[in-house]
């Protein structure tokens, strides 16, 4: 890595922006201002990732069909996909790692405790206003965004060792946590979503995380080889 590499800086900024977008989409329903932002976005057609290309196609098609009830339609689908009807642990694509990694699909299990410890070790605590568990996918994605921002700042400051250490933390978290359950979440999102918007979100998430893994393995090739 080199602090003078403009292409790398651009890639890092793109990672931060994508993590921010994904985290926001899982955090809560889309409001009018955010919908306006998304409608103004450009969705690339040939990214090199089949999943991201399909997600972009679905997003573009859905947003081009925006109508007077789009916000209501999305709010209903958000609730359907992520909140469910509360009947059982299989009635929605619950966005918590614990649900997908515990045998009985329960909240607040070992994954949540592990995640909380990782956040604390990196000087991050959740706001009191956040009532959900630390293993909610919005928070896991935001954690990666925070570390990506720190690594970019270290790179710009010429501290390549610190940048590499932060990227390694991101890589380990990606492999040990996000990629350990995001594929299952995506599968359930495709099952429960009735709009292409949330089908696209699931596909974009897993596609981006897989591209992330490849990128970080490339950037950390020397460090990974020495372990």
C-alpha atoms as a PDB file:
ATOM      1  CA  UNK A   1       0.000   0.000   0.000  1.00  0.00           C
ATOM      2  CA  UNK A   2       1.130   3.533  -0.686  1.00  0.00           C
ATOM      3  CA  UNK A   3      -0.230   6.829   0.615  1.00  0.00           C
ATOM      4  CA  UNK A   4       0.531   8.302  -2.817  1.00  0.00           C
ATOM      5  CA  UNK A   5      -1.623   5.784  -4.643  1.00  0.00           C
ATOM      6  CA  UNK A   6      -4.622   7.833  -5.796  1.00  0.00           C
ATOM      7  CA  UNK A   7      -6.378   4.722  -7.066  1.00  0.00           C
ATOM      8  CA  UNK A   8      -6.124   3.058  -3.661  1.00  0.00           C
ATOM      9  CA  UNK A   9      -7.459   6.186  -1.968  1.00  0.00           C
ATOM     10  CA  UNK A  10     -10.425   6.140  -4.350  1.00  0.00           C
ATOM     11  CA  UNK A  11     -11.070   2.457  -3.665  1.00  0.00           C
ATOM     12  CA  UNK A  12     -10.971   3.058   0.082  1.00  0.00           C
ATOM     13  CA  UNK A  13     -13.416   5.958  -0.221  1.00  0.00           C
ATOM     14  CA  UNK A  14     -15.724   3.755  -2.275  1.00  0.00           C
ATOM     15  CA  UNK A  15     -15.639   1.065   0.415  1.00  0.00           C
ATOM     16  CA  UNK A  16     -16.592   3.587   3.080  1.00  0.00           C
ATOM     17  CA  UNK A  17     -19.479   4.914   0.996  1.00  0.00           C
ATOM     18  CA  UNK A  18     -20.840   1.431   0.297  1.00  0.00           C
ATOM     19  CA  UNK A  19     -20.673   0.352   3.923  1.00  0.00           C
ATOM     20  CA  UNK A  20     -22.468   3.573   4.863  1.00  0.00           C
ATOM     21  CA  UNK A  21     -25.198   2.966   2.279  1.00  0.00           C
ATOM     22  CA  UNK A  22     -25.766  -0.636   3.315  1.00  0.00           C
ATOM     23  CA  UNK A  23     -25.811   0.171   7.022  1.00  0.00           C
ATOM     24  CA  UNK A  24     -28.376   2.916   6.481  1.00  0.00           C
ATOM     25  CA  UNK A  25     -30.652   0.673   4.426  1.00  0.00           C
ATOM     26  CA  UNK A  26     -30.758  -1.965   7.158  1.00  0.00           C
ATOM     27  CA  UNK A  27     -30.967   0.550  10.005  1.00  0.00           C
ATOM     28  CA  UNK A  28     -34.516   1.746   9.313  1.00  0.00           C
ATOM     29  CA  UNK A  29     -37.096   2.314   6.626  1.00  0.00           C
ATOM     30  CA  UNK A  30     -36.298   4.606   3.718  1.00  0.00           C
ATOM     31  CA  UNK A  31     -37.547   8.169   4.149  1.00  0.00           C
ATOM     32  CA  UNK A  32     -38.266  10.668   1.381  1.00  0.00           C
ATOM     33  CA  UNK A  33     -34.882  12.423   1.543  1.00  0.00           C
ATOM     34  CA  UNK A  34     -32.981   9.154   1.350  1.00  0.00           C
ATOM     35  CA  UNK A  35     -35.199   7.899  -1.445  1.00  0.00           C
ATOM     36  CA  UNK A  36     -34.422  11.084  -3.370  1.00  0.00           C
ATOM     37  CA  UNK A  37     -30.702  10.385  -2.902  1.00  0.00           C
ATOM     38  CA  UNK A  38     -31.049   6.841  -4.153  1.00  0.00           C
ATOM     39  CA  UNK A  39     -33.050   7.916  -7.180  1.00  0.00           C
ATOM     40  CA  UNK A  40     -30.176  10.230  -8.106  1.00  0.00           C
ATOM     41  CA  UNK A  41     -27.583   7.448  -7.859  1.00  0.00           C
ATOM     42  CA  UNK A  42     -25.998   5.774 -10.851  1.00  0.00           C
ATOM     43  CA  UNK A  43     -26.057   1.976 -10.797  1.00  0.00           C
ATOM     44  CA  UNK A  44     -23.200   0.380 -12.734  1.00  0.00           C
ATOM     45  CA  UNK A  45     -24.122  -2.415 -15.141  1.00  0.00           C
ATOM     46  CA  UNK A  46     -20.817  -4.294 -15.353  1.00  0.00           C
ATOM     47  CA  UNK A  47     -18.921  -4.362 -12.077  1.00  0.00           C
ATOM     48  CA  UNK A  48     -17.348  -7.790 -12.427  1.00  0.00           C
ATOM     49  CA  UNK A  49     -19.658  -9.214  -9.757  1.00  0.00           C
ATOM     50  CA  UNK A  50     -22.764 -11.060 -10.924  1.00  0.00           C
ATOM     51  CA  UNK A  51     -24.518 -10.393  -7.617  1.00  0.00           C
ATOM     52  CA  UNK A  52     -23.755  -6.670  -7.594  1.00  0.00           C
ATOM     53  CA  UNK A  53     -24.773  -6.330 -11.249  1.00  0.00           C
ATOM     54  CA  UNK A  54     -28.099  -8.038 -10.531  1.00  0.00           C
ATOM     55  CA  UNK A  55     -28.616  -5.860  -7.443  1.00  0.00           C
ATOM     56  CA  UNK A  56     -27.926  -2.708  -9.426  1.00  0.00           C
ATOM     57  CA  UNK A  57     -30.341  -3.806 -12.146  1.00  0.00           C
ATOM     58  CA  UNK A  58     -33.076  -4.409  -9.574  1.00  0.00           C
ATOM     59  CA  UNK A  59     -32.447  -1.123  -7.758  1.00  0.00           C
ATOM     60  CA  UNK A  60     -32.464   0.839 -11.004  1.00  0.00           C
ATOM     61  CA  UNK A  61     -35.643  -0.791 -12.253  1.00  0.00           C
ATOM     62  CA  UNK A  62     -37.476  -0.292  -8.982  1.00  0.00           C
ATOM     63  CA  UNK A  63     -36.429   3.313  -8.465  1.00  0.00           C
ATOM     64  CA  UNK A  64     -37.300   4.226 -12.050  1.00  0.00           C
ATOM     65  CA  UNK A  65     -40.838   3.112 -11.259  1.00  0.00           C
ATOM     66  CA  UNK A  66     -41.186   5.398  -8.242  1.00  0.00           C
ATOM     67  CA  UNK A  67     -44.788   6.466  -7.616  1.00  0.00           C
ATOM     68  CA  UNK A  68     -46.840   8.242  -4.944  1.00  0.00           C
ATOM     69  CA  UNK A  69     -46.994   5.165  -2.698  1.00  0.00           C
ATOM     70  CA  UNK A  70     -43.374   4.051  -2.996  1.00  0.00           C
ATOM     71  CA  UNK A  71     -42.455   5.107   0.558  1.00  0.00           C
ATOM     72  CA  UNK A  72     -45.448   3.246   1.990  1.00  0.00           C
ATOM     73  CA  UNK A  73     -44.693   0.206  -0.134  1.00  0.00           C
ATOM     74  CA  UNK A  74     -41.082   0.166   1.087  1.00  0.00           C
ATOM     75  CA  UNK A  75     -42.071   0.662   4.723  1.00  0.00           C
ATOM     76  CA  UNK A  76     -44.441  -2.289   4.529  1.00  0.00           C
ATOM     77  CA  UNK A  77     -41.795  -4.452   2.883  1.00  0.00           C
ATOM     78  CA  UNK A  78     -39.136  -3.441   5.420  1.00  0.00           C
ATOM     79  CA  UNK A  79     -41.440  -4.590   8.220  1.00  0.00           C
ATOM     80  CA  UNK A  80     -42.323  -7.775   6.367  1.00  0.00           C
ATOM     81  CA  UNK A  81     -38.702  -8.670   5.644  1.00  0.00           C
ATOM     82  CA  UNK A  82     -36.966  -7.746   8.894  1.00  0.00           C
ATOM     83  CA  UNK A  83     -39.636  -7.606  11.607  1.00  0.00           C
ATOM     84  CA  UNK A  84     -42.029 -10.367  10.572  1.00  0.00           C
ATOM     85  CA  UNK A  85     -45.261 -11.136  12.343  1.00  0.00           C
ATOM     86  CA  UNK A  86     -43.668 -12.483  15.506  1.00  0.00           C
ATOM     87  CA  UNK A  87     -45.175 -15.933  15.113  1.00  0.00           C
ATOM     88  CA  UNK A  88     -41.867 -17.792  15.267  1.00  0.00           C
ATOM     89  CA  UNK A  89     -38.135 -17.500  14.568  1.00  0.00           C
ATOM     90  CA  UNK A  90     -38.678 -18.329  10.902  1.00  0.00           C
ATOM     91  CA  UNK A  91     -41.244 -15.660   9.993  1.00  0.00           C
ATOM     92  CA  UNK A  92     -38.765 -13.051   8.714  1.00  0.00           C
ATOM     93  CA  UNK A  93     -35.172 -12.439   7.648  1.00  0.00           C
ATOM     94  CA  UNK A  94     -34.181 -11.310  11.126  1.00  0.00           C
ATOM     95  CA  UNK A  95     -31.078  -9.090  10.757  1.00  0.00           C
ATOM     96  CA  UNK A  96     -29.164 -10.420  13.770  1.00  0.00           C
ATOM     97  CA  UNK A  97     -26.121 -12.677  13.649  1.00  0.00           C
ATOM     98  CA  UNK A  98     -27.272 -14.579  16.742  1.00  0.00           C
ATOM     99  CA  UNK A  99     -30.448 -15.714  15.022  1.00  0.00           C
ATOM    100  CA  UNK A 100     -28.500 -17.205  12.129  1.00  0.00           C
ATOM    101  CA  UNK A 101     -25.664 -18.764  14.133  1.00  0.00           C
ATOM    102  CA  UNK A 102     -27.527 -20.234  17.120  1.00  0.00           C
ATOM    103  CA  UNK A 103     -29.238 -23.603  16.894  1.00  0.00           C
ATOM    104  CA  UNK A 104     -32.604 -22.290  18.122  1.00  0.00           C
ATOM    105  CA  UNK A 105     -32.475 -18.988  16.195  1.00  0.00           C
ATOM    106  CA  UNK A 106     -32.489 -16.881  19.344  1.00  0.00           C
ATOM    107  CA  UNK A 107     -31.475 -13.273  19.962  1.00  0.00           C
ATOM    108  CA  UNK A 108     -28.707 -12.189  22.330  1.00  0.00           C
ATOM    109  CA  UNK A 109     -26.618 -15.348  21.982  1.00  0.00           C
ATOM    110  CA  UNK A 110     -22.827 -15.908  21.849  1.00  0.00           C
ATOM    111  CA  UNK A 111     -22.408 -13.954  18.609  1.00  0.00           C
ATOM    112  CA  UNK A 112     -23.776 -10.814  20.234  1.00  0.00           C
ATOM    113  CA  UNK A 113     -21.345 -11.136  23.157  1.00  0.00           C
ATOM    114  CA  UNK A 114     -18.415 -11.671  20.776  1.00  0.00           C
ATOM    115  CA  UNK A 115     -19.409  -8.671  18.686  1.00  0.00           C
ATOM    116  CA  UNK A 116     -19.773  -6.453  21.730  1.00  0.00           C
ATOM    117  CA  UNK A 117     -16.275  -7.427  22.895  1.00  0.00           C
ATOM    118  CA  UNK A 118     -14.811  -6.614  19.464  1.00  0.00           C
ATOM    119  CA  UNK A 119     -16.487  -3.208  19.419  1.00  0.00           C
ATOM    120  CA  UNK A 120     -15.193  -2.463  22.913  1.00  0.00           C
ATOM    121  CA  UNK A 121     -11.651  -3.549  21.992  1.00  0.00           C
ATOM    122  CA  UNK A 122     -11.740  -1.009  19.167  1.00  0.00           C
ATOM    123  CA  UNK A 123     -13.062   1.798  21.339  1.00  0.00           C
ATOM    124  CA  UNK A 124     -16.606   1.694  19.997  1.00  0.00           C
ATOM    125  CA  UNK A 125     -19.806   1.619  22.047  1.00  0.00           C
ATOM    126  CA  UNK A 126     -23.348   1.735  20.765  1.00  0.00           C
ATOM    127  CA  UNK A 127     -25.562   4.715  21.490  1.00  0.00           C
ATOM    128  CA  UNK A 128     -28.076   4.382  24.315  1.00  0.00           C
ATOM    129  CA  UNK A 129     -30.786   5.200  21.777  1.00  0.00           C
ATOM    130  CA  UNK A 130     -30.052   1.949  19.931  1.00  0.00           C
ATOM    131  CA  UNK A 131     -32.278  -0.668  21.539  1.00  0.00           C
ATOM    132  CA  UNK A 132     -31.327  -3.650  19.398  1.00  0.00           C
ATOM    133  CA  UNK A 133     -28.449  -6.074  19.892  1.00  0.00           C
ATOM    134  CA  UNK A 134     -24.917  -5.259  18.825  1.00  0.00           C
ATOM    135  CA  UNK A 135     -25.023  -8.079  16.275  1.00  0.00           C
ATOM    136  CA  UNK A 136     -27.618  -6.297  14.107  1.00  0.00           C
ATOM    137  CA  UNK A 137     -26.259  -6.173  10.562  1.00  0.00           C
ATOM    138  CA  UNK A 138     -26.580  -2.378  10.442  1.00  0.00           C
ATOM    139  CA  UNK A 139     -24.117  -2.081  13.335  1.00  0.00           C
ATOM    140  CA  UNK A 140     -21.749  -4.717  11.954  1.00  0.00           C
ATOM    141  CA  UNK A 141     -21.619  -2.853   8.647  1.00  0.00           C
ATOM    142  CA  UNK A 142     -21.150   0.465  10.442  1.00  0.00           C
ATOM    143  CA  UNK A 143     -18.247  -1.053  12.404  1.00  0.00           C
ATOM    144  CA  UNK A 144     -16.533  -1.945   9.148  1.00  0.00           C
ATOM    145  CA  UNK A 145     -17.227   1.568   7.873  1.00  0.00           C
ATOM    146  CA  UNK A 146     -15.590   3.091  10.954  1.00  0.00           C
ATOM    147  CA  UNK A 147     -12.503   0.904  10.599  1.00  0.00           C
ATOM    148  CA  UNK A 148     -12.329   1.594   6.866  1.00  0.00           C
ATOM    149  CA  UNK A 149     -12.413   5.322   7.618  1.00  0.00           C
ATOM    150  CA  UNK A 150      -9.633   4.937  10.187  1.00  0.00           C
ATOM    151  CA  UNK A 151      -7.508   2.926   7.772  1.00  0.00           C
ATOM    152  CA  UNK A 152      -7.946   5.581   5.076  1.00  0.00           C
ATOM    153  CA  UNK A 153      -6.924   8.308   7.518  1.00  0.00           C
ATOM    154  CA  UNK A 154      -3.844   6.299   8.511  1.00  0.00           C
ATOM    155  CA  UNK A 155      -2.950   5.758   4.864  1.00  0.00           C
ATOM    156  CA  UNK A 156      -3.259   9.466   4.067  1.00  0.00           C
ATOM    157  CA  UNK A 157      -1.065  10.236   7.086  1.00  0.00           C
ATOM    158  CA  UNK A 158       1.628   7.904   5.745  1.00  0.00           C
ATOM    159  CA  UNK A 159       1.153   5.358   8.548  1.00  0.00           C
ATOM    160  CA  UNK A 160       0.990   2.257   6.412  1.00  0.00           C
ATOM    161  CA  UNK A 161       1.563  -0.171   9.294  1.00  0.00           C
ATOM    162  CA  UNK A 162      -1.436   1.224  11.160  1.00  0.00           C
ATOM    163  CA  UNK A 163      -3.506   1.107   7.984  1.00  0.00           C
ATOM    164  CA  UNK A 164      -2.542  -2.536   7.449  1.00  0.00           C
ATOM    165  CA  UNK A 165      -3.419  -3.431  11.050  1.00  0.00           C
ATOM    166  CA  UNK A 166      -6.829  -1.825  10.677  1.00  0.00           C
ATOM    167  CA  UNK A 167      -7.426  -3.606   7.380  1.00  0.00           C
ATOM    168  CA  UNK A 168      -6.524  -6.901   9.030  1.00  0.00           C
ATOM    169  CA  UNK A 169      -9.091  -6.253  11.750  1.00  0.00           C
ATOM    170  CA  UNK A 170     -11.651  -5.569   9.034  1.00  0.00           C
ATOM    171  CA  UNK A 171     -10.705  -8.749   7.198  1.00  0.00           C
ATOM    172  CA  UNK A 172     -10.975 -10.916  10.306  1.00  0.00           C
ATOM    173  CA  UNK A 173     -14.338  -9.415  11.226  1.00  0.00           C
ATOM    174  CA  UNK A 174     -15.572  -9.899   7.677  1.00  0.00           C
ATOM    175  CA  UNK A 175     -14.577 -13.567   7.604  1.00  0.00           C
ATOM    176  CA  UNK A 176     -15.483 -14.469  11.188  1.00  0.00           C
ATOM    177  CA  UNK A 177     -18.767 -12.618  11.345  1.00  0.00           C
ATOM    178  CA  UNK A 178     -20.387 -10.896   8.356  1.00  0.00           C
ATOM    179  CA  UNK A 179     -19.627 -13.591   5.800  1.00  0.00           C
ATOM    180  CA  UNK A 180     -20.523 -16.287   8.325  1.00  0.00           C
ATOM    181  CA  UNK A 181     -24.188 -15.299   8.228  1.00  0.00           C
ATOM    182  CA  UNK A 182     -24.899 -12.682   5.554  1.00  0.00           C
ATOM    183  CA  UNK A 183     -25.415 -15.382   2.888  1.00  0.00           C
ATOM    184  CA  UNK A 184     -28.179 -16.925   5.024  1.00  0.00           C
ATOM    185  CA  UNK A 185     -29.729 -13.514   5.592  1.00  0.00           C
ATOM    186  CA  UNK A 186     -29.697 -12.844   1.844  1.00  0.00           C
ATOM    187  CA  UNK A 187     -31.417 -16.148   1.132  1.00  0.00           C
ATOM    188  CA  UNK A 188     -34.195 -15.263   3.558  1.00  0.00           C
ATOM    189  CA  UNK A 189     -34.488 -11.732   2.179  1.00  0.00           C
ATOM    190  CA  UNK A 190     -35.123 -13.184  -1.293  1.00  0.00           C
ATOM    191  CA  UNK A 191     -37.848 -15.335   0.260  1.00  0.00           C
ATOM    192  CA  UNK A 192     -39.686 -12.658   2.228  1.00  0.00           C
ATOM    193  CA  UNK A 193     -39.185  -9.498   0.151  1.00  0.00           C
ATOM    194  CA  UNK A 194     -42.016  -8.510  -2.165  1.00  0.00           C
ATOM    195  CA  UNK A 195     -40.234  -5.531  -3.703  1.00  0.00           C
ATOM    196  CA  UNK A 196     -37.174  -5.623  -5.916  1.00  0.00           C
ATOM    197  CA  UNK A 197     -35.713  -2.944  -3.628  1.00  0.00           C
ATOM    198  CA  UNK A 198     -35.127  -5.308  -0.721  1.00  0.00           C
ATOM    199  CA  UNK A 199     -34.269  -8.218  -2.992  1.00  0.00           C
ATOM    200  CA  UNK A 200     -31.594  -5.931  -4.415  1.00  0.00           C
ATOM    201  CA  UNK A 201     -30.341  -5.000  -0.952  1.00  0.00           C
ATOM    202  CA  UNK A 202     -29.724  -8.639  -0.078  1.00  0.00           C
ATOM    203  CA  UNK A 203     -27.900  -9.301  -3.340  1.00  0.00           C
ATOM    204  CA  UNK A 204     -25.823  -6.129  -3.077  1.00  0.00           C
ATOM    205  CA  UNK A 205     -24.804  -6.977   0.472  1.00  0.00           C
ATOM    206  CA  UNK A 206     -23.487 -10.438  -0.232  1.00  0.00           C
ATOM    207  CA  UNK A 207     -21.925  -9.391  -3.533  1.00  0.00           C
ATOM    208  CA  UNK A 208     -20.109  -6.459  -1.943  1.00  0.00           C
ATOM    209  CA  UNK A 209     -18.878  -8.516   1.019  1.00  0.00           C
ATOM    210  CA  UNK A 210     -17.434 -11.150  -1.295  1.00  0.00           C
ATOM    211  CA  UNK A 211     -15.686  -8.482  -3.361  1.00  0.00           C
ATOM    212  CA  UNK A 212     -14.428  -6.994  -0.096  1.00  0.00           C
ATOM    213  CA  UNK A 213     -12.874 -10.301   0.894  1.00  0.00           C
ATOM    214  CA  UNK A 214     -11.019 -10.542  -2.410  1.00  0.00           C
ATOM    215  CA  UNK A 215      -9.837  -6.927  -2.173  1.00  0.00           C
ATOM    216  CA  UNK A 216      -8.588  -7.246   1.389  1.00  0.00           C
ATOM    217  CA  UNK A 217      -6.794 -10.495   0.563  1.00  0.00           C
ATOM    218  CA  UNK A 218      -5.034  -8.654  -2.245  1.00  0.00           C
ATOM    219  CA  UNK A 219      -4.107  -5.674  -0.079  1.00  0.00           C
ATOM    220  CA  UNK A 220      -2.995  -7.891   2.803  1.00  0.00           C
ATOM    221  CA  UNK A 221      -1.256 -10.573   0.737  1.00  0.00           C
ATOM    222  CA  UNK A 222       2.087 -10.217   2.532  1.00  0.00           C
ATOM    223  CA  UNK A 223       0.527 -10.105   5.996  1.00  0.00           C
ATOM    224  CA  UNK A 224      -1.715 -13.107   5.330  1.00  0.00           C
ATOM    225  CA  UNK A 225       1.175 -15.098   3.862  1.00  0.00           C
ATOM    226  CA  UNK A 226       3.209 -14.609   7.020  1.00  0.00           C
ATOM    227  CA  UNK A 227       0.517 -16.037   9.289  1.00  0.00           C
END
